[in-house]
């Protein structure tokens, strides 16, 4: 559904008759960003609107929930609501279009074409070998056509947490790229396949209401470039609990501060794909505790740069999923960054010292975050960050 451009709300008679004709509402995905002094901003990219009073916040919450912001407002204060809506409309935060999508007729004669799963391993490996051949690791260590780099991916352990399209697609991309020991974990007690999962990886409409994690497990062999026995895909500690230390932990979605603190103290490399703010998603930084800036460094740098941190967002509406094209793009970006990390042997203690002391080392006091606008996927915005003096994450030194 194409969003319509809002008309001038100050001259639109529909603003007083919600439920009759066109109505106005806040675009989905926006959040209130706390700023110093107790005020808030609604932010999307370089555009923002200041919400300085409790009265304005009430009007914004009414708009976000689809209610009439003029309801119960004395006539002497209506101009304040009008000014607020006008400010939101000028930066494109207001929509006056349909709130529900118009469904097309069902196509009953659809033919489902399946890929041939039994291709020769050499054929499947050829594109990956080409990429590995041109990788930084191959250039540094003169690997033979990238074969050793590609084979080493099968030994790296990657844990994916979060339950959304990006995480699902990332799981299949890494398996198909040779990372055999990649696992998804259930963090949010959402084990059944949902409508929004259809089209992600191998999930189709026929799989609705099946167990999501069992489905992924059953398709590992079909997707994996280097299939492992099922018992090899998960490493257990002495107590029979999954080993927490992985080559990398990737989380997609909202994250608890306690999780990030646990990763820092356990020296667990990790990467967070943050929830969307309106139609923008931030990736990273990829954190190697004690060596690179952490997520809190990124938050403190953002506060100094723009006056707020998107990590402190207060969602006004539910924004749990990303459009399918955007989800594929984000998953591909992250998979590329993860493969570069894995191929550089940063998770291999035997090679870690060599990489950490080399001039070409990707380990640096400077990390980066990538912000992707889902309307303009071809132009991601990259911010460089450094370890912030107020953070102290450098104290989590890595013991080798």
Protein backbone atom coordinates (compact mmCIF):
# COMPACT_ATOMS: atom_id res chain seq x y z
CA UNK A 1 0.00 0.00 0.00
CA UNK A 2 1.45 3.37 -0.98
CA UNK A 3 1.29 5.96 1.75
CA UNK A 4 -0.49 9.15 0.74
CA UNK A 5 1.01 12.60 1.26
CA UNK A 6 -0.82 14.34 4.12
CA UNK A 7 -2.73 17.47 3.30
CA UNK A 8 -2.36 20.63 5.38
CA UNK A 9 -4.08 19.63 8.59
CA UNK A 10 -4.92 23.23 9.44
CA UNK A 11 -7.23 23.49 6.44
CA UNK A 12 -8.45 19.90 6.34
CA UNK A 13 -12.01 19.62 7.74
CA UNK A 14 -11.49 15.87 8.25
CA UNK A 15 -9.36 16.54 11.32
CA UNK A 16 -12.48 17.24 13.39
CA UNK A 17 -14.46 14.22 12.20
CA UNK A 18 -12.39 11.12 12.94
CA UNK A 19 -14.21 8.07 11.65
CA UNK A 20 -15.92 10.05 8.88
CA UNK A 21 -13.92 10.45 5.69
CA UNK A 22 -10.16 10.62 5.82
CA UNK A 23 -8.49 10.58 9.21
CA UNK A 24 -5.02 11.41 10.35
CA UNK A 25 -2.67 9.17 12.25
CA UNK A 26 1.01 8.95 13.11
CA UNK A 27 3.06 6.86 10.73
CA UNK A 28 3.97 3.46 12.17
CA UNK A 29 7.37 2.80 13.65
CA UNK A 30 8.10 6.21 15.15
CA UNK A 31 9.38 6.53 18.72
CA UNK A 32 9.78 9.14 21.42
CA UNK A 33 13.47 9.79 22.01
CA UNK A 34 14.26 11.19 25.50
CA UNK A 35 16.49 14.28 25.40
CA UNK A 36 18.30 16.14 28.19
CA UNK A 37 15.93 18.37 30.13
CA UNK A 38 12.97 16.00 30.16
CA UNK A 39 11.72 16.73 26.64
CA UNK A 40 11.35 14.23 23.78
CA UNK A 41 11.92 14.17 20.06
CA UNK A 42 10.25 12.11 17.38
CA UNK A 43 13.08 11.31 14.98
CA UNK A 44 13.44 9.83 11.54
CA UNK A 45 16.83 10.32 9.91
CA UNK A 46 17.70 14.04 9.90
CA UNK A 47 14.08 15.11 10.54
CA UNK A 48 12.78 15.55 14.07
CA UNK A 49 9.93 17.19 15.97
CA UNK A 50 10.34 18.42 19.56
CA UNK A 51 7.71 17.20 22.04
CA UNK A 52 8.29 19.53 24.97
CA UNK A 53 5.13 19.22 27.10
CA UNK A 54 2.95 16.54 28.64
CA UNK A 55 0.05 17.99 26.64
CA UNK A 56 1.94 17.39 23.37
CA UNK A 57 2.87 13.86 24.44
CA UNK A 58 -0.81 13.07 25.09
CA UNK A 59 -1.75 14.30 21.63
CA UNK A 60 1.05 12.22 20.04
CA UNK A 61 -0.06 9.10 21.93
CA UNK A 62 -3.62 9.67 20.72
CA UNK A 63 -2.41 9.97 17.13
CA UNK A 64 -0.26 6.85 17.50
CA UNK A 65 -3.23 4.78 18.71
CA UNK A 66 -5.55 6.08 15.98
CA UNK A 67 -7.63 8.23 18.34
CA UNK A 68 -8.82 11.78 17.85
CA UNK A 69 -6.23 14.11 19.42
CA UNK A 70 -8.85 16.88 19.62
CA UNK A 71 -11.18 14.81 21.79
CA UNK A 72 -11.74 16.49 25.15
CA UNK A 73 -9.46 19.43 24.30
CA UNK A 74 -10.96 22.84 25.23
CA UNK A 75 -11.43 25.14 22.28
CA UNK A 76 -8.90 27.59 23.70
CA UNK A 77 -6.16 24.91 23.40
CA UNK A 78 -7.09 23.44 20.02
CA UNK A 79 -4.51 25.58 18.29
CA UNK A 80 -1.76 23.75 20.20
CA UNK A 81 -2.91 20.42 18.76
CA UNK A 82 -3.17 21.97 15.32
CA UNK A 83 0.37 23.36 15.55
CA UNK A 84 1.70 19.97 16.68
CA UNK A 85 0.00 18.07 13.85
CA UNK A 86 1.17 20.67 11.38
CA UNK A 87 4.76 20.23 12.58
CA UNK A 88 4.47 16.45 12.26
CA UNK A 89 2.91 16.72 8.80
CA UNK A 90 5.65 19.03 7.49
CA UNK A 91 8.30 16.35 8.08
CA UNK A 92 6.10 13.50 6.80
CA UNK A 93 5.24 11.89 10.14
CA UNK A 94 1.47 12.07 9.54
CA UNK A 95 -0.51 9.83 7.21
CA UNK A 96 -4.08 10.22 6.05
CA UNK A 97 -4.35 7.11 3.89
CA UNK A 98 -6.03 3.74 4.38
CA UNK A 99 -5.13 1.89 7.57
CA UNK A 100 -5.76 -1.57 6.07
CA UNK A 101 -4.37 -3.06 2.90
CA UNK A 102 -6.63 -3.95 -0.03
CA UNK A 103 -6.12 -7.66 -0.72
CA UNK A 104 -5.75 -8.84 -4.36
CA UNK A 105 -7.74 -11.85 -5.69
CA UNK A 106 -6.25 -15.21 -4.68
CA UNK A 107 -4.20 -16.87 -7.42
CA UNK A 108 -5.36 -20.48 -7.31
CA UNK A 109 -3.24 -21.83 -10.15
CA UNK A 110 0.12 -20.97 -8.63
CA UNK A 111 2.86 -23.47 -9.48
CA UNK A 112 5.51 -24.00 -6.81
CA UNK A 113 8.95 -24.57 -8.27
CA UNK A 114 11.54 -26.14 -5.96
CA UNK A 115 15.27 -25.86 -6.26
CA UNK A 116 17.25 -29.03 -6.93
CA UNK A 117 18.77 -29.86 -3.54
CA UNK A 118 21.11 -32.55 -4.87
CA UNK A 119 23.64 -30.35 -6.69
CA UNK A 120 27.25 -31.34 -6.75
CA UNK A 121 29.23 -29.91 -3.80
CA UNK A 122 31.85 -28.55 -6.15
CA UNK A 123 29.25 -26.57 -8.06
CA UNK A 124 27.78 -25.18 -4.85
CA UNK A 125 31.19 -24.22 -3.50
CA UNK A 126 32.39 -22.41 -6.60
CA UNK A 127 30.83 -18.98 -5.83
CA UNK A 128 31.95 -19.14 -2.19
CA UNK A 129 35.46 -20.09 -3.24
CA UNK A 130 35.57 -17.11 -5.58
CA UNK A 131 34.61 -14.77 -2.75
CA UNK A 132 37.13 -16.34 -0.35
CA UNK A 133 39.84 -16.08 -2.95
CA UNK A 134 39.49 -12.31 -3.00
CA UNK A 135 39.04 -11.91 0.76
CA UNK A 136 41.40 -9.98 3.04
CA UNK A 137 42.36 -13.22 4.78
CA UNK A 138 43.41 -14.87 1.51
CA UNK A 139 45.50 -11.84 0.63
CA UNK A 140 47.21 -11.91 4.02
CA UNK A 141 47.95 -15.63 4.28
CA UNK A 142 48.12 -16.61 0.59
CA UNK A 143 45.47 -19.31 1.01
CA UNK A 144 45.18 -21.68 -1.96
CA UNK A 145 42.18 -20.34 -3.92
CA UNK A 146 40.38 -19.65 -0.63
CA UNK A 147 39.68 -23.34 -0.01
CA UNK A 148 41.12 -23.41 3.51
CA UNK A 149 39.25 -20.26 4.48
CA UNK A 150 35.98 -21.70 3.22
CA UNK A 151 36.54 -25.03 4.97
CA UNK A 152 37.32 -23.25 8.25
CA UNK A 153 33.83 -21.73 8.29
CA UNK A 154 32.36 -25.13 9.15
CA UNK A 155 34.18 -25.10 12.51
CA UNK A 156 32.98 -21.67 13.66
CA UNK A 157 30.06 -21.46 16.07
CA UNK A 158 27.48 -18.71 15.57
CA UNK A 159 24.43 -18.18 17.76
CA UNK A 160 21.45 -16.19 16.44
CA UNK A 161 18.90 -14.85 18.90
CA UNK A 162 15.74 -12.96 18.08
CA UNK A 163 12.60 -14.08 16.30
CA UNK A 164 11.96 -12.21 13.08
CA UNK A 165 12.49 -12.36 9.31
CA UNK A 166 16.02 -10.97 9.46
CA UNK A 167 17.15 -13.62 11.94
CA UNK A 168 15.52 -16.40 9.91
CA UNK A 169 17.10 -15.27 6.65
CA UNK A 170 20.47 -14.77 8.32
CA UNK A 171 20.36 -18.37 9.58
CA UNK A 172 19.86 -19.74 6.06
CA UNK A 173 22.44 -17.40 4.50
CA UNK A 174 25.16 -18.47 6.91
CA UNK A 175 24.34 -22.16 6.48
CA UNK A 176 24.46 -21.79 2.70
CA UNK A 177 27.78 -19.95 2.99
CA UNK A 178 29.50 -22.81 4.82
CA UNK A 179 28.93 -21.83 8.47
CA UNK A 180 27.63 -25.23 9.53
CA UNK A 181 27.53 -24.64 13.27
CA UNK A 182 24.97 -21.86 13.32
CA UNK A 183 22.03 -22.15 15.71
CA UNK A 184 18.86 -20.18 16.45
CA UNK A 185 17.66 -19.91 20.05
CA UNK A 186 14.14 -19.31 21.31
CA UNK A 187 14.15 -16.21 23.49
CA UNK A 188 10.57 -15.03 23.29
CA UNK A 189 8.46 -18.18 23.55
CA UNK A 190 7.19 -17.84 19.98
CA UNK A 191 7.77 -21.35 18.75
CA UNK A 192 5.00 -21.60 16.14
CA UNK A 193 5.41 -20.47 12.54
CA UNK A 194 3.36 -17.33 11.89
CA UNK A 195 1.93 -15.65 8.81
CA UNK A 196 4.77 -13.12 8.81
CA UNK A 197 7.33 -15.96 8.56
CA UNK A 198 6.06 -17.12 5.14
CA UNK A 199 8.67 -16.41 2.48
CA UNK A 200 11.59 -16.36 4.91
CA UNK A 201 14.13 -19.05 4.08
CA UNK A 202 12.31 -22.37 3.43
CA UNK A 203 9.05 -21.42 5.18
CA UNK A 204 5.86 -21.58 3.09
CA UNK A 205 2.17 -21.39 3.83
CA UNK A 206 2.11 -25.14 4.28
CA UNK A 207 4.26 -24.78 7.40
CA UNK A 208 1.87 -22.53 9.35
CA UNK A 209 1.48 -23.50 13.03
CA UNK A 210 4.41 -25.93 12.87
CA UNK A 211 7.28 -25.55 15.31
CA UNK A 212 9.59 -22.86 13.94
CA UNK A 213 12.80 -24.25 15.42
CA UNK A 214 12.08 -27.85 14.46
CA UNK A 215 11.42 -26.67 10.89
CA UNK A 216 14.78 -24.88 10.73
CA UNK A 217 16.52 -27.94 12.14
CA UNK A 218 14.86 -30.29 9.64
CA UNK A 219 16.08 -28.18 6.71
CA UNK A 220 19.66 -27.76 7.89
CA UNK A 221 21.00 -30.53 5.65
CA UNK A 222 19.21 -29.21 2.57
CA UNK A 223 20.59 -25.68 3.08
CA UNK A 224 24.01 -26.28 4.56
CA UNK A 225 27.02 -26.13 2.29
CA UNK A 226 28.85 -28.52 4.61
CA UNK A 227 26.22 -30.58 6.46
CA UNK A 228 27.15 -31.88 9.90
CA UNK A 229 25.60 -34.63 11.93
CA UNK A 230 22.79 -33.28 14.10
CA UNK A 231 24.69 -34.07 17.30
CA UNK A 232 27.58 -31.91 16.07
CA UNK A 233 25.54 -28.78 15.57
CA UNK A 234 25.34 -27.92 19.25
CA UNK A 235 28.20 -28.01 21.72
CA UNK A 236 27.32 -28.77 25.34
CA UNK A 237 29.22 -28.01 28.50
CA UNK A 238 29.77 -30.51 31.31
CA UNK A 239 26.33 -29.83 32.77
CA UNK A 240 24.55 -30.62 29.52
CA UNK A 241 23.78 -26.93 28.87
CA UNK A 242 24.55 -25.30 25.50
CA UNK A 243 28.00 -23.72 25.59
CA UNK A 244 27.65 -19.94 25.91
CA UNK A 245 30.99 -19.06 24.32
CA UNK A 246 30.66 -18.86 20.54
CA UNK A 247 32.68 -17.39 17.75
CA UNK A 248 29.94 -14.77 17.51
CA UNK A 249 26.51 -14.04 18.95
CA UNK A 250 24.08 -12.16 16.71
CA UNK A 251 20.91 -10.65 18.12
CA UNK A 252 18.12 -9.18 15.99
CA UNK A 253 15.55 -7.00 17.74
CA UNK A 254 15.21 -5.31 21.12
CA UNK A 255 18.00 -6.25 23.50
CA UNK A 256 18.33 -6.21 27.29
CA UNK A 257 21.21 -4.31 28.86
CA UNK A 258 21.89 -7.38 31.02
CA UNK A 259 22.58 -9.48 27.91
CA UNK A 260 25.12 -6.99 26.58
CA UNK A 261 26.79 -6.80 30.00
CA UNK A 262 26.96 -10.60 30.11
CA UNK A 263 28.59 -10.69 26.68
CA UNK A 264 31.15 -8.10 27.76
CA UNK A 265 32.06 -9.83 31.01
CA UNK A 266 32.29 -13.25 29.33
CA UNK A 267 34.33 -11.69 26.47
CA UNK A 268 31.80 -12.93 23.93
CA UNK A 269 32.02 -11.17 20.52
CA UNK A 270 28.56 -9.97 19.53
CA UNK A 271 26.60 -7.99 16.96
CA UNK A 272 23.17 -6.42 17.43
CA UNK A 273 20.68 -5.63 14.65
CA UNK A 274 18.54 -2.98 16.29
CA UNK A 275 14.75 -2.65 15.90
CA UNK A 276 13.57 -0.30 13.17
CA UNK A 277 13.04 3.37 14.00
CA UNK A 278 10.34 4.34 11.51
CA UNK A 279 11.82 2.90 8.31
CA UNK A 280 15.47 2.87 9.35
CA UNK A 281 17.51 0.06 10.90
CA UNK A 282 20.91 0.34 12.58
CA UNK A 283 23.39 -2.54 12.49
CA UNK A 284 26.24 -2.90 14.94
CA UNK A 285 28.83 -2.22 15.96
CA UNK A 286 30.41 -5.67 15.93
CA UNK A 287 31.90 -5.80 19.42
CA UNK A 288 35.04 -7.67 20.43
CA UNK A 289 35.09 -7.05 24.20
CA UNK A 290 38.20 -5.26 25.40
CA UNK A 291 39.41 -4.44 21.90
CA UNK A 292 36.71 -2.54 20.03
CA UNK A 293 34.06 0.02 21.04
CA UNK A 294 30.91 -1.53 22.51
CA UNK A 295 27.24 -0.73 22.09
CA UNK A 296 27.28 1.74 24.99
CA UNK A 297 30.16 3.56 23.28
CA UNK A 298 27.94 3.85 20.21
CA UNK A 299 25.07 5.19 22.33
CA UNK A 300 27.29 7.79 24.06
CA UNK A 301 28.75 8.86 20.72
CA UNK A 302 25.24 9.25 19.29
CA UNK A 303 24.12 11.37 22.24
CA UNK A 304 27.09 13.70 21.71
CA UNK A 305 26.46 13.84 17.96
CA UNK A 306 22.68 14.35 17.80
CA UNK A 307 21.49 14.76 21.40
CA UNK A 308 19.72 11.43 21.92
CA UNK A 309 20.29 7.69 21.78
CA UNK A 310 18.00 5.49 19.71
CA UNK A 311 18.76 2.68 22.17
CA UNK A 312 16.52 4.55 24.66
CA UNK A 313 13.60 4.59 22.23
CA UNK A 314 10.04 4.38 23.52
CA UNK A 315 7.99 2.70 20.76
CA UNK A 316 4.67 4.39 20.12
CA UNK A 317 3.36 1.62 17.86
CA UNK A 318 4.24 -2.02 17.32
CA UNK A 319 6.86 -2.46 14.63
CA UNK A 320 7.83 -6.11 14.90
CA UNK A 321 8.64 -6.98 11.29
CA UNK A 322 10.49 -5.58 8.29
CA UNK A 323 9.28 -5.65 4.68
CA UNK A 324 10.61 -8.73 2.90
CA UNK A 325 12.96 -6.94 0.50
CA UNK A 326 14.44 -4.91 3.35
CA UNK A 327 14.80 -8.02 5.51
CA UNK A 328 16.77 -9.78 2.75
CA UNK A 329 19.00 -6.74 2.31
CA UNK A 330 19.71 -6.35 6.03
CA UNK A 331 20.34 -10.09 6.43
CA UNK A 332 22.77 -10.01 3.50
CA UNK A 333 24.64 -7.01 4.90
CA UNK A 334 24.99 -8.68 8.27
CA UNK A 335 25.97 -12.04 6.76
CA UNK A 336 28.71 -10.30 4.77
CA UNK A 337 30.07 -8.65 7.91
CA UNK A 338 29.88 -11.91 9.85
CA UNK A 339 31.71 -13.87 7.15
CA UNK A 340 34.46 -11.25 7.07
CA UNK A 341 34.80 -11.63 10.84
CA UNK A 342 34.87 -15.43 10.63
CA UNK A 343 37.25 -15.58 7.68
CA UNK A 344 39.65 -13.30 9.53
CA UNK A 345 39.92 -16.01 12.20
CA UNK A 346 39.12 -13.53 14.97
CA UNK A 347 37.36 -16.30 16.85
CA UNK A 348 40.35 -18.65 16.57
CA UNK A 349 42.61 -18.21 19.61
CA UNK A 350 45.58 -19.71 17.72
CA UNK A 351 45.41 -17.07 15.01
CA UNK A 352 44.13 -14.23 17.14
CA UNK A 353 47.52 -12.88 18.19
CA UNK A 354 48.71 -12.87 14.59
CA UNK A 355 45.73 -10.83 13.40
CA UNK A 356 45.65 -8.51 16.40
CA UNK A 357 49.26 -7.45 15.87
CA UNK A 358 49.24 -7.23 12.08
CA UNK A 359 48.98 -3.93 10.24
CA UNK A 360 46.09 -5.27 8.18
CA UNK A 361 44.14 -6.33 11.26
CA UNK A 362 40.42 -5.53 11.18
CA UNK A 363 40.60 -5.13 14.97
CA UNK A 364 40.69 -1.43 15.67
CA UNK A 365 39.88 1.20 18.26
CA UNK A 366 37.45 2.49 15.65
CA UNK A 367 34.26 0.56 14.92
CA UNK A 368 31.28 1.40 12.79
CA UNK A 369 27.53 1.31 12.80
CA UNK A 370 25.51 1.02 9.61
CA UNK A 371 22.14 2.76 9.31
CA UNK A 372 19.94 1.56 6.44
CA UNK A 373 16.92 3.44 5.17
CA UNK A 374 14.48 0.83 3.87
CA UNK A 375 13.29 3.23 1.16
CA UNK A 376 16.83 3.67 -0.18
CA UNK A 377 18.68 0.41 0.37
CA UNK A 378 21.48 1.30 -2.03
CA UNK A 379 22.78 4.11 0.20
CA UNK A 380 23.50 2.87 3.74
CA UNK A 381 24.93 5.48 6.10
CA UNK A 382 28.04 4.49 8.06
CA UNK A 383 29.10 6.15 11.32
CA UNK A 384 32.54 5.59 12.81
CA UNK A 385 32.74 5.38 16.59
CA UNK A 386 35.55 5.19 19.12
CA UNK A 387 35.74 3.87 22.65
CA UNK A 388 34.04 6.48 24.81
CA UNK A 389 35.89 7.64 27.94
CA UNK A 390 32.69 7.37 30.01
CA UNK A 391 32.04 3.76 29.06
CA UNK A 392 34.91 1.74 30.49
CA UNK A 393 34.43 -1.27 28.21
CA UNK A 394 38.18 -1.34 27.62
CA UNK A 395 38.52 -2.90 31.07
CA UNK A 396 37.00 -6.14 29.73
CA UNK A 397 40.37 -7.27 28.40
CA UNK A 398 40.55 -10.42 26.30
CA UNK A 399 42.69 -13.16 27.84
CA UNK A 400 44.52 -15.30 25.29
